C-alpha atoms as a PDB file:
ATOM      1  CA  MET A   1       0.000   0.000   0.000  1.00  0.00           C
ATOM      2  CA  HIS A   2       1.467   3.388  -1.115  1.00  0.00           C
ATOM      3  CA  THR A   3       1.991   6.114   1.395  1.00  0.00           C
ATOM      4  CA  GLN A   4       0.728   9.635   0.836  1.00  0.00           C
ATOM      5  CA  ASN A   5       4.240  10.853  -0.024  1.00  0.00           C
ATOM      6  CA  GLU A   6       4.677   8.134  -2.623  1.00  0.00           C
ATOM      7  CA  LEU A   7       1.336   9.052  -4.236  1.00  0.00           C
ATOM      8  CA  LEU A   8       2.317  12.722  -4.337  1.00  0.00           C
ATOM      9  CA  GLY A   9       5.635  11.798  -5.997  1.00  0.00           C
ATOM     10  CA  ASP A  10       3.909   9.702  -8.641  1.00  0.00           C
ATOM     11  CA  ALA A  11       1.510  12.550  -9.441  1.00  0.00           C
ATOM     12  CA  ALA A  12       4.402  14.969  -9.920  1.00  0.00           C
ATOM     13  CA  LEU A  13       6.152  12.502 -12.209  1.00  0.00           C
ATOM     14  CA  ILE A  14       3.029  12.081 -14.329  1.00  0.00           C
ATOM     15  CA  ARG A  15       2.654  15.871 -14.521  1.00  0.00           C
ATOM     16  CA  ASP A  16       6.247  16.293 -15.677  1.00  0.00           C
ATOM     17  CA  GLU A  17       5.887  13.585 -18.344  1.00  0.00           C
ATOM     18  CA  THR A  18       2.648  15.161 -19.599  1.00  0.00           C
ATOM     19  CA  GLU A  19       4.345  18.566 -19.943  1.00  0.00           C
ATOM     20  CA  LEU A  20       7.247  16.888 -21.786  1.00  0.00           C
ATOM     21  CA  LEU A  21       4.881  15.237 -24.241  1.00  0.00           C
ATOM     22  CA  ALA A  22       3.068  18.514 -24.797  1.00  0.00           C
ATOM     23  CA  ASN A  23       6.323  20.361 -25.427  1.00  0.00           C
ATOM     24  CA  THR A  24       7.494  17.623 -27.836  1.00  0.00           C
ATOM     25  CA  ALA A  25       4.224  17.784 -29.793  1.00  0.00           C
ATOM     26  CA  GLU A  26       4.551  21.559 -30.040  1.00  0.00           C
ATOM     27  CA  ARG A  27       8.116  21.263 -31.350  1.00  0.00           C
ATOM     28  CA  VAL A  28       7.079  18.622 -33.901  1.00  0.00           C
ATOM     29  CA  GLY A  29       4.270  20.876 -35.078  1.00  0.00           C
ATOM     30  CA  LEU A  30       6.641  23.801 -35.493  1.00  0.00           C
ATOM     31  CA  MET A  31       9.132  21.607 -37.357  1.00  0.00           C
ATOM     32  CA  HIS A  32       6.371  20.449 -39.712  1.00  0.00           C
ATOM     33  CA  GLN A  33       5.300  24.039 -40.285  1.00  0.00           C
ATOM     34  CA  HIS A  34       8.874  25.122 -41.021  1.00  0.00           C
ATOM     35  CA  THR A  35       9.374  22.148 -43.387  1.00  0.00           C
ATOM     36  CA  VAL A  36       6.278  23.031 -45.404  1.00  0.00           C
ATOM     37  CA  GLU A  37       7.353  26.666 -45.536  1.00  0.00           C
ATOM     38  CA  ALA A  38      10.820  25.600 -46.704  1.00  0.00           C
ATOM     39  CA  LEU A  39       9.339  23.446 -49.435  1.00  0.00           C
ATOM     40  CA  PHE A  40       7.507  26.340 -50.994  1.00  0.00           C
ATOM     41  CA  GLU A  41       9.850  29.230 -50.358  1.00  0.00           C
ATOM     42  CA  ASN A  42      11.232  30.943 -53.475  1.00  0.00           C
ATOM     43  CA  VAL A  43       9.260  28.618 -55.796  1.00  0.00           C
ATOM     44  CA  THR A  44       7.698  30.661 -58.605  1.00  0.00           C
ATOM     45  CA  TYR A  45       6.241  29.640 -61.986  1.00  0.00           C
ATOM     46  CA  THR A  46       6.478  31.923 -65.015  1.00  0.00           C
ATOM     47  CA  ASP A  47       5.746  31.840 -68.745  1.00  0.00           C
ATOM     48  CA  ALA A  48       9.375  32.451 -69.674  1.00  0.00           C
ATOM     49  CA  ALA A  49      10.667  30.984 -72.951  1.00  0.00           C
ATOM     50  CA  PRO A  50      11.576  27.291 -72.558  1.00  0.00           C
ATOM     51  CA  VAL A  51      15.217  26.327 -72.331  1.00  0.00           C
ATOM     52  CA  ALA A  52      16.444  23.350 -74.328  1.00  0.00           C
ATOM     53  CA  VAL A  53      17.612  21.053 -71.522  1.00  0.00           C
ATOM     54  CA  GLY A  54      17.380  17.349 -70.911  1.00  0.00           C
ATOM     55  CA  ALA A  55      14.890  15.564 -68.722  1.00  0.00           C
ATOM     56  CA  GLY A  56      15.352  15.079 -64.980  1.00  0.00           C
ATOM     57  CA  ALA A  57      18.788  16.502 -64.335  1.00  0.00           C
ATOM     58  CA  ILE A  58      20.685  19.192 -62.471  1.00  0.00           C
ATOM     59  CA  ALA A  59      23.847  20.345 -64.198  1.00  0.00           C
ATOM     60  CA  ALA A  60      27.138  19.441 -62.527  1.00  0.00           C
ATOM     61  CA  GLY A  61      28.444  22.258 -60.361  1.00  0.00           C
ATOM     62  CA  THR A  62      25.018  23.806 -59.779  1.00  0.00           C
ATOM     63  CA  SER A  63      24.782  25.309 -56.300  1.00  0.00           C
ATOM     64  CA  LEU A  64      21.846  24.087 -54.216  1.00  0.00           C
ATOM     65  CA  VAL A  65      22.396  26.642 -51.461  1.00  0.00           C
ATOM     66  CA  GLY A  66      19.161  28.468 -50.706  1.00  0.00           C
ATOM     67  CA  ARG A  67      17.171  26.107 -52.941  1.00  0.00           C
ATOM     68  CA  SER A  68      13.985  24.632 -51.524  1.00  0.00           C
ATOM     69  CA  VAL A  69      13.367  20.899 -51.640  1.00  0.00           C
ATOM     70  CA  LEU A  70      10.423  21.401 -53.963  1.00  0.00           C
ATOM     71  CA  SER A  71      12.443  23.456 -56.473  1.00  0.00           C
ATOM     72  CA  ILE A  72      15.127  20.760 -56.530  1.00  0.00           C
ATOM     73  CA  LEU A  73      12.549  18.027 -57.019  1.00  0.00           C
ATOM     74  CA  LYS A  74      10.984  20.048 -59.823  1.00  0.00           C
ATOM     75  CA  ASP A  75      14.332  20.040 -61.673  1.00  0.00           C
ATOM     76  CA  LEU A  76      14.902  16.343 -61.073  1.00  0.00           C
ATOM     77  CA  PHE A  77      11.471  15.238 -62.252  1.00  0.00           C
ATOM     78  CA  ARG A  78      10.659  17.732 -65.009  1.00  0.00           C
ATOM     79  CA  ALA A  79       9.311  16.355 -68.284  1.00  0.00           C
ATOM     80  CA  PRO A  80      11.743  15.942 -71.228  1.00  0.00           C
ATOM     81  CA  TYR A  81      12.171  19.014 -73.389  1.00  0.00           C
ATOM     82  CA  ARG A  82      10.931  18.385 -76.929  1.00  0.00           C
ATOM     83  CA  ALA A  83      12.861  20.324 -79.557  1.00  0.00           C
ATOM     84  CA  ALA A  84      11.228  21.472 -82.782  1.00  0.00           C
ATOM     85  CA  ALA A  85      11.257  18.932 -85.620  1.00  0.00           C
ATOM     86  CA  VAL A  86      11.535  19.749 -89.325  1.00  0.00           C
ATOM     87  CA  GLY A  87      10.908  17.431 -92.286  1.00  0.00           C
ATOM     88  CA  LEU A  88      10.829  17.786 -96.085  1.00  0.00           C
ATOM     89  CA  SER A  89       9.901  15.364 -98.882  1.00  0.00           C
ATOM     90  CA  GLY A  90       9.568  15.530-102.653  1.00  0.00           C
ATOM     91  CA  GLY A  91      11.986  15.837-105.521  1.00  0.00           C
ATOM     92  CA  GLY A  92      12.925  12.758-107.522  1.00  0.00           C
ATOM     93  CA  VAL A  93      14.219  11.833-110.970  1.00  0.00           C
ATOM     94  CA  TYR A  94      13.081  14.006-113.888  1.00  0.00           C
ATOM     95  CA  GLU A  95      13.496  13.903-117.637  1.00  0.00           C
ATOM     96  CA  LYS A  96      16.458  15.829-118.947  1.00  0.00           C
ATOM     97  CA  GLY A  97      16.052  18.285-121.785  1.00  0.00           C
ATOM     98  CA  LEU A  98      12.393  19.237-121.494  1.00  0.00           C
ATOM     99  CA  VAL A  99      11.451  22.669-122.817  1.00  0.00           C
ATOM    100  CA  GLY A 100      11.021  25.033-119.879  1.00  0.00           C
ATOM    101  CA  GLY A 101      12.300  22.512-117.346  1.00  0.00           C
ATOM    102  CA  VAL A 102      10.107  20.849-114.740  1.00  0.00           C
ATOM    103  CA  GLY A 103       8.301  21.835-111.569  1.00  0.00           C
ATOM    104  CA  VAL A 104       9.824  20.187-108.503  1.00  0.00           C
ATOM    105  CA  ALA A 105       7.067  19.526-105.948  1.00  0.00           C
ATOM    106  CA  LEU A 106       8.003  19.737-102.261  1.00  0.00           C
ATOM    107  CA  ALA A 107       6.022  19.068 -99.086  1.00  0.00           C
ATOM    108  CA  GLY A 108       7.218  19.734 -95.556  1.00  0.00           C
ATOM    109  CA  SER A 109       6.163  20.181 -91.968  1.00  0.00           C
ATOM    110  CA  ILE A 110       7.463  21.913 -88.859  1.00  0.00           C
ATOM    111  CA  SER A 111       6.480  20.660 -85.410  1.00  0.00           C
ATOM    112  CA  PRO A 112       7.301  23.332 -82.779  1.00  0.00           C
ATOM    113  CA  ASN A 113       6.748  20.947 -79.820  1.00  0.00           C
ATOM    114  CA  ASP A 114       8.061  22.818 -76.726  1.00  0.00           C
ATOM    115  CA  ASP A 115       9.718  25.544 -78.786  1.00  0.00           C
ATOM    116  CA  THR A 116       8.431  28.527 -80.789  1.00  0.00           C
ATOM    117  CA  VAL A 117       9.036  28.990 -84.519  1.00  0.00           C
ATOM    118  CA  ALA A 118       9.982  32.542 -85.507  1.00  0.00           C
ATOM    119  CA  ALA A 119      10.776  32.127 -89.220  1.00  0.00           C
ATOM    120  CA  ARG A 120      10.674  29.500 -91.987  1.00  0.00           C
ATOM    121  CA  ARG A 121      12.185  29.112 -95.461  1.00  0.00           C
ATOM    122  CA  VAL A 122      12.808  26.608 -98.255  1.00  0.00           C
ATOM    123  CA  ARG A 123      16.397  26.691 -99.526  1.00  0.00           C
ATOM    124  CA  ARG A 124      17.693  25.462-102.888  1.00  0.00           C
ATOM    125  CA  THR A 125      21.325  24.589-103.608  1.00  0.00           C
ATOM    126  CA  GLN A 126      22.191  24.437-107.297  1.00  0.00           C
ATOM    127  CA  GLY A 127      25.582  24.785-108.936  1.00  0.00           C
ATOM    128  CA  GLY A 128      27.195  25.533-105.581  1.00  0.00           C
ATOM    129  CA  VAL A 129      24.876  28.476-104.887  1.00  0.00           C
ATOM    130  CA  THR A 130      22.246  28.363-102.113  1.00  0.00           C
ATOM    131  CA  THR A 131      19.232  30.658-102.221  1.00  0.00           C
ATOM    132  CA  THR A 132      15.867  30.996-100.494  1.00  0.00           C
ATOM    133  CA  VAL A 133      13.128  30.080-102.976  1.00  0.00           C
ATOM    134  CA  PHE A 134      10.059  30.105-100.723  1.00  0.00           C
ATOM    135  CA  VAL A 135       8.992  31.567 -97.359  1.00  0.00           C
ATOM    136  CA  PRO A 136       6.098  29.556 -95.871  1.00  0.00           C
ATOM    137  CA  ALA A 137       3.423  31.409 -93.919  1.00  0.00           C
ATOM    138  CA  GLY A 138       2.821  28.508 -91.535  1.00  0.00           C
ATOM    139  CA  ASN A 139       4.248  25.217 -90.358  1.00  0.00           C
ATOM    140  CA  ALA A 140       2.677  23.154 -93.163  1.00  0.00           C
ATOM    141  CA  VAL A 141       4.725  23.624 -96.324  1.00  0.00           C
ATOM    142  CA  ALA A 142       3.693  22.976 -99.943  1.00  0.00           C
ATOM    143  CA  TYR A 143       5.738  24.449-102.762  1.00  0.00           C
ATOM    144  CA  THR A 144       6.570  23.675-106.402  1.00  0.00           C
ATOM    145  CA  ASP A 145       9.806  25.125-107.715  1.00  0.00           C
ATOM    146  CA  PRO A 146       9.189  25.933-111.405  1.00  0.00           C
ATOM    147  CA  GLY A 147      11.465  25.706-114.429  1.00  0.00           C
ATOM    148  CA  VAL A 148      14.177  23.500-112.934  1.00  0.00           C
ATOM    149  CA  THR A 149      16.534  22.052-115.577  1.00  0.00           C
ATOM    150  CA  ALA A 150      19.539  20.760-113.609  1.00  0.00           C
ATOM    151  CA  TYR A 151      20.270  18.984-110.349  1.00  0.00           C
ATOM    152  CA  ALA A 152      19.076  20.835-107.261  1.00  0.00           C
ATOM    153  CA  ALA A 153      18.967  20.004-103.536  1.00  0.00           C
ATOM    154  CA  TYR A 154      16.325  21.433-101.198  1.00  0.00           C
ATOM    155  CA  THR A 155      16.089  21.867 -97.428  1.00  0.00           C
ATOM    156  CA  LEU A 156      13.500  23.318 -95.064  1.00  0.00           C
ATOM    157  CA  GLU A 157      14.780  25.588 -92.290  1.00  0.00           C
ATOM    158  CA  ALA A 158      13.036  26.857 -89.163  1.00  0.00           C
ATOM    159  CA  ASP A 159      14.422  29.499 -86.801  1.00  0.00           C
ATOM    160  CA  THR A 160      13.301  28.661 -83.247  1.00  0.00           C
ATOM    161  CA  VAL A 161      13.438  30.689 -80.040  1.00  0.00           C
ATOM    162  CA  ALA A 162      15.150  28.122 -77.815  1.00  0.00           C
ATOM    163  CA  GLY A 163      16.799  25.677 -80.196  1.00  0.00           C
ATOM    164  CA  GLY A 164      18.247  27.916 -82.899  1.00  0.00           C
ATOM    165  CA  THR A 165      17.896  27.002 -86.570  1.00  0.00           C
ATOM    166  CA  LYS A 166      16.554  23.534 -87.344  1.00  0.00           C
ATOM    167  CA  THR A 167      17.248  22.121 -90.826  1.00  0.00           C
ATOM    168  CA  SER A 168      15.603  19.167 -92.538  1.00  0.00           C
ATOM    169  CA  GLY A 169      17.426  16.514 -94.485  1.00  0.00           C
ATOM    170  CA  ALA A 170      18.001  17.411 -98.127  1.00  0.00           C
ATOM    171  CA  VAL A 171      15.833  16.130-100.982  1.00  0.00           C
ATOM    172  CA  GLY A 172      17.141  16.235-104.524  1.00  0.00           C
ATOM    173  CA  ALA A 173      15.884  16.723-108.044  1.00  0.00           C
ATOM    174  CA  SER A 174      18.083  14.881-110.557  1.00  0.00           C
ATOM    175  CA  PHE A 175      17.827  14.718-114.346  1.00  0.00           C
ATOM    176  CA  VAL A 176      18.516  11.888-116.776  1.00  0.00           C
ATOM    177  CA  ALA A 177      17.941  11.456-120.480  1.00  0.00           C
ATOM    178  CA  PRO A 178      15.384   8.674-121.109  1.00  0.00           C
ATOM    179  CA  SER A 179      16.268   5.061-121.848  1.00  0.00           C
ATOM    180  CA  TYR A 180      14.268   3.059-124.426  1.00  0.00           C
ATOM    181  CA  TYR A 181      13.714  -0.638-125.061  1.00  0.00           C
ATOM    182  CA  GLY A 182      11.531  -2.851-127.228  1.00  0.00           C
ATOM    183  CA  THR A 183      11.517  -4.774-130.514  1.00  0.00           C
ATOM    184  CA  VAL A 184      12.899  -3.209-133.662  1.00  0.00           C
ATOM    185  CA  ALA A 185      12.872  -4.257-137.318  1.00  0.00           C
ATOM    186  CA  GLY A 186      16.479  -3.552-138.286  1.00  0.00           C
ATOM    187  CA  PRO A 187      19.865  -3.594-136.554  1.00  0.00           C
ATOM    188  CA  ALA A 188      20.243   0.218-136.749  1.00  0.00           C
ATOM    189  CA  PRO A 189      16.915   1.959-136.008  1.00  0.00           C
ATOM    190  CA  THR A 190      16.652   5.730-136.381  1.00  0.00           C
ATOM    191  CA  PRO A 191      16.328   8.028-133.346  1.00  0.00           C
ATOM    192  CA  ALA A 192      12.645   8.519-134.164  1.00  0.00           C
ATOM    193  CA  GLN A 193      12.090   4.741-134.201  1.00  0.00           C
ATOM    194  CA  VAL A 194      13.922   4.367-130.892  1.00  0.00           C
ATOM    195  CA  GLN A 195      11.959   7.172-129.240  1.00  0.00           C
ATOM    196  CA  ALA A 196       8.725   5.363-130.145  1.00  0.00           C
ATOM    197  CA  LEU A 197       9.721   2.438-127.901  1.00  0.00           C
ATOM    198  CA  THR A 198       8.992   2.067-124.173  1.00  0.00           C
ATOM    199  CA  LYS A 199      10.559   5.002-122.325  1.00  0.00           C
ATOM    200  CA  GLN A 200      11.987   4.892-118.790  1.00  0.00           C
ATOM    201  CA  LEU A 201      13.917   7.332-116.608  1.00  0.00           C
ATOM    202  CA  TRP A 202      16.716   5.124-115.317  1.00  0.00           C
ATOM    203  CA  PRO A 203      20.097   5.874-113.791  1.00  0.00           C
ATOM    204  CA  ALA A 204      23.077   3.727-114.677  1.00  0.00           C
ATOM    205  CA  GLY A 205      22.917   0.180-113.370  1.00  0.00           C
ATOM    206  CA  GLN A 206      22.037  -3.399-114.200  1.00  0.00           C
ATOM    207  CA  ARG A 207      18.842  -3.846-116.224  1.00  0.00           C
ATOM    208  CA  ALA A 208      16.756  -6.996-116.704  1.00  0.00           C
ATOM    209  CA  LEU A 209      14.368  -6.381-119.629  1.00  0.00           C
ATOM    210  CA  ALA A 210      11.616  -8.636-120.959  1.00  0.00           C
ATOM    211  CA  PHE A 211      10.966  -8.650-124.722  1.00  0.00           C
ATOM    212  CA  THR A 212       8.221 -10.356-126.720  1.00  0.00           C
ATOM    213  CA  ASN A 213      10.124 -10.882-129.954  1.00  0.00           C
ATOM    214  CA  ASN A 214       8.302 -12.618-132.767  1.00  0.00           C
ATOM    215  CA  ASN A 215      11.094 -13.137-135.263  1.00  0.00           C
ATOM    216  CA  GLN A 216      12.238  -9.638-134.332  1.00  0.00           C
ATOM    217  CA  ARG A 217      15.229  -7.930-132.759  1.00  0.00           C
ATOM    218  CA  ALA A 218      15.413  -6.918-129.091  1.00  0.00           C
ATOM    219  CA  GLY A 219      16.834  -3.446-128.628  1.00  0.00           C
ATOM    220  CA  PHE A 220      17.976  -1.419-125.622  1.00  0.00           C
ATOM    221  CA  PHE A 221      19.093   2.222-125.930  1.00  0.00           C
ATOM    222  CA  GLU A 222      20.426   4.492-123.178  1.00  0.00           C
ATOM    223  CA  PRO A 223      22.585   7.612-122.725  1.00  0.00           C
ATOM    224  CA  LYS A 224      26.222   6.808-123.417  1.00  0.00           C
ATOM    225  CA  THR A 225      27.137   8.495-120.142  1.00  0.00           C
ATOM    226  CA  ASN A 226      25.774   5.400-118.345  1.00  0.00           C
ATOM    227  CA  GLY A 227      28.850   3.513-119.566  1.00  0.00           C
ATOM    228  CA  ARG A 228      29.137   0.637-122.022  1.00  0.00           C
ATOM    229  CA  ARG A 229      27.605  -2.688-120.989  1.00  0.00           C
ATOM    230  CA  ALA A 230      30.325  -5.281-120.557  1.00  0.00           C
ATOM    231  CA  VAL A 231      28.125  -8.384-120.469  1.00  0.00           C
ATOM    232  CA  ILE A 232      24.646  -9.347-121.680  1.00  0.00           C
ATOM    233  CA  LYS A 233      23.043 -12.602-120.529  1.00  0.00           C
ATOM    234  CA  ASN A 234      19.759 -14.286-121.336  1.00  0.00           C
ATOM    235  CA  GLN A 235      17.253 -15.466-118.774  1.00  0.00           C
ATOM    236  CA  ASN A 236      18.942 -18.880-118.658  1.00  0.00           C
ATOM    237  CA  GLY A 237      22.230 -17.343-117.553  1.00  0.00           C
ATOM    238  CA  TYR A 238      24.087 -17.751-120.855  1.00  0.00           C
ATOM    239  CA  ASP A 239      26.428 -14.995-122.008  1.00  0.00           C
ATOM    240  CA  VAL A 240      24.940 -13.661-125.255  1.00  0.00           C
ATOM    241  CA  THR A 241      26.969 -10.454-125.515  1.00  0.00           C
ATOM    242  CA  ALA A 242      28.266 -11.472-128.936  1.00  0.00           C
ATOM    243  CA  ALA A 243      24.693 -11.836-130.224  1.00  0.00           C
ATOM    244  CA  PHE A 244      24.093  -8.086-129.870  1.00  0.00           C
ATOM    245  CA  THR A 245      25.339  -5.314-132.135  1.00  0.00           C
ATOM    246  CA  TYR A 246      26.615  -2.177-130.378  1.00  0.00           C
ATOM    247  CA  SER A 247      26.154   1.247-131.960  1.00  0.00           C
ATOM    248  CA  GLU A 248      26.142   4.929-131.064  1.00  0.00           C
ATOM    249  CA  ALA A 249      23.932   7.742-132.338  1.00  0.00           C
ATOM    250  CA  THR A 250      23.272  11.366-131.439  1.00  0.00           C
ATOM    251  CA  PHE A 251      19.694  12.109-130.396  1.00  0.00           C
ATOM    252  CA  THR A 252      18.197  15.568-130.009  1.00  0.00           C
ATOM    253  CA  LEU A 253      16.306  16.166-126.762  1.00  0.00           C
ATOM    254  CA  PRO A 254      13.095  18.261-126.805  1.00  0.00           C
ATOM    255  CA  ASP A 255      14.917  21.473-125.851  1.00  0.00           C
ATOM    256  CA  GLY A 256      17.445  20.978-128.659  1.00  0.00           C
ATOM    257  CA  THR A 257      20.232  19.565-126.473  1.00  0.00           C
ATOM    258  CA  PRO A 258      22.232  16.797-128.228  1.00  0.00           C
ATOM    259  CA  GLU A 259      22.642  13.512-126.344  1.00  0.00           C
ATOM    260  CA  ILE A 260      24.784  10.580-127.464  1.00  0.00           C
ATOM    261  CA  TYR A 261      23.030   7.233-127.077  1.00  0.00           C
ATOM    262  CA  ALA A 262      24.463   3.723-126.892  1.00  0.00           C
ATOM    263  CA  GLY A 263      22.410   0.996-128.561  1.00  0.00           C
ATOM    264  CA  TYR A 264      22.366  -2.787-128.071  1.00  0.00           C
ATOM    265  CA  VAL A 265      20.384  -4.633-130.751  1.00  0.00           C
ATOM    266  CA  LEU A 266      20.037  -8.369-131.287  1.00  0.00           C
ATOM    267  CA  THR A 267      21.904  -8.969-134.555  1.00  0.00           C
ATOM    268  CA  ASP A 268      19.589 -11.664-135.889  1.00  0.00           C
ATOM    269  CA  PRO A 269      15.779 -11.768-135.527  1.00  0.00           C
ATOM    270  CA  ALA A 270      14.565 -14.282-132.957  1.00  0.00           C
ATOM    271  CA  GLY A 271      11.638 -15.209-130.738  1.00  0.00           C
ATOM    272  CA  ASP A 272       8.216 -16.805-131.052  1.00  0.00           C
ATOM    273  CA  GLY A 273       6.221 -14.050-129.349  1.00  0.00           C
ATOM    274  CA  SER A 274       6.737 -15.414-125.830  1.00  0.00           C
ATOM    275  CA  PRO A 275       8.328 -13.111-123.241  1.00  0.00           C
ATOM    276  CA  PHE A 276      12.081 -13.534-123.041  1.00  0.00           C
ATOM    277  CA  THR A 277      14.434 -11.673-120.712  1.00  0.00           C
ATOM    278  CA  TYR A 278      17.889 -10.279-121.309  1.00  0.00           C
ATOM    279  CA  ILE A 279      20.050  -8.893-118.527  1.00  0.00           C
ATOM    280  CA  PHE A 280      22.375  -5.997-119.364  1.00  0.00           C
ATOM    281  CA  TYR A 281      25.326  -5.757-116.947  1.00  0.00           C
END
């Protein structure tokens, strides 16, 4: 059984512990309040122009003194910056020697993403000289460059606020004189007879051509600049180079430009009207 003095001592102890708990709770509350205030101090959001930086990073050497936890976390977990993207398509292979040249059709697009586009232009490089040929009004680009007669390369450029000038890959417009193939009556057809055959715009390279000779001659004619064919084989893999007669002739292109053509004509008539393939190497 506790004495009166012991009971009084216990009561004092309980009172002291209660005051200690109260003081601790008050300190914890103040610490929480100060932590919240620290999280949000000096954290402001503006509409300033975006800066082209990577995602979730703080540059080496950056001082964190005076930075709040929230501002640091914002840098560490920010979304990736998306730079503007520029693309251009079009161009191709065109017939050489047409009167008035050709129109080169181009199509492009500019995606600002997280940047802002300030200016746009289509650039043409021809003969070592680069010029602006079109200034688009918006980010969707459609333009046809008229009267082109010689090789040209095109790019689309966009000046952006944060990322500088963005340039698309180049697209080209190249020109070749036509090639012709088909069946002919004699071993040396005239340019007019050749130009009545099937016409193709082909660069230099191997050609596998199907003919339907019916006791006729297979003929293939191309610009001499493609180089002379060293070997001709039939569809069965046999070398038949000696069965063809080689010749050269000067053709006149529509704009009056002369073009030397190389011709390969089967020396003797052959075929029963069934398709038969020759490969020109």
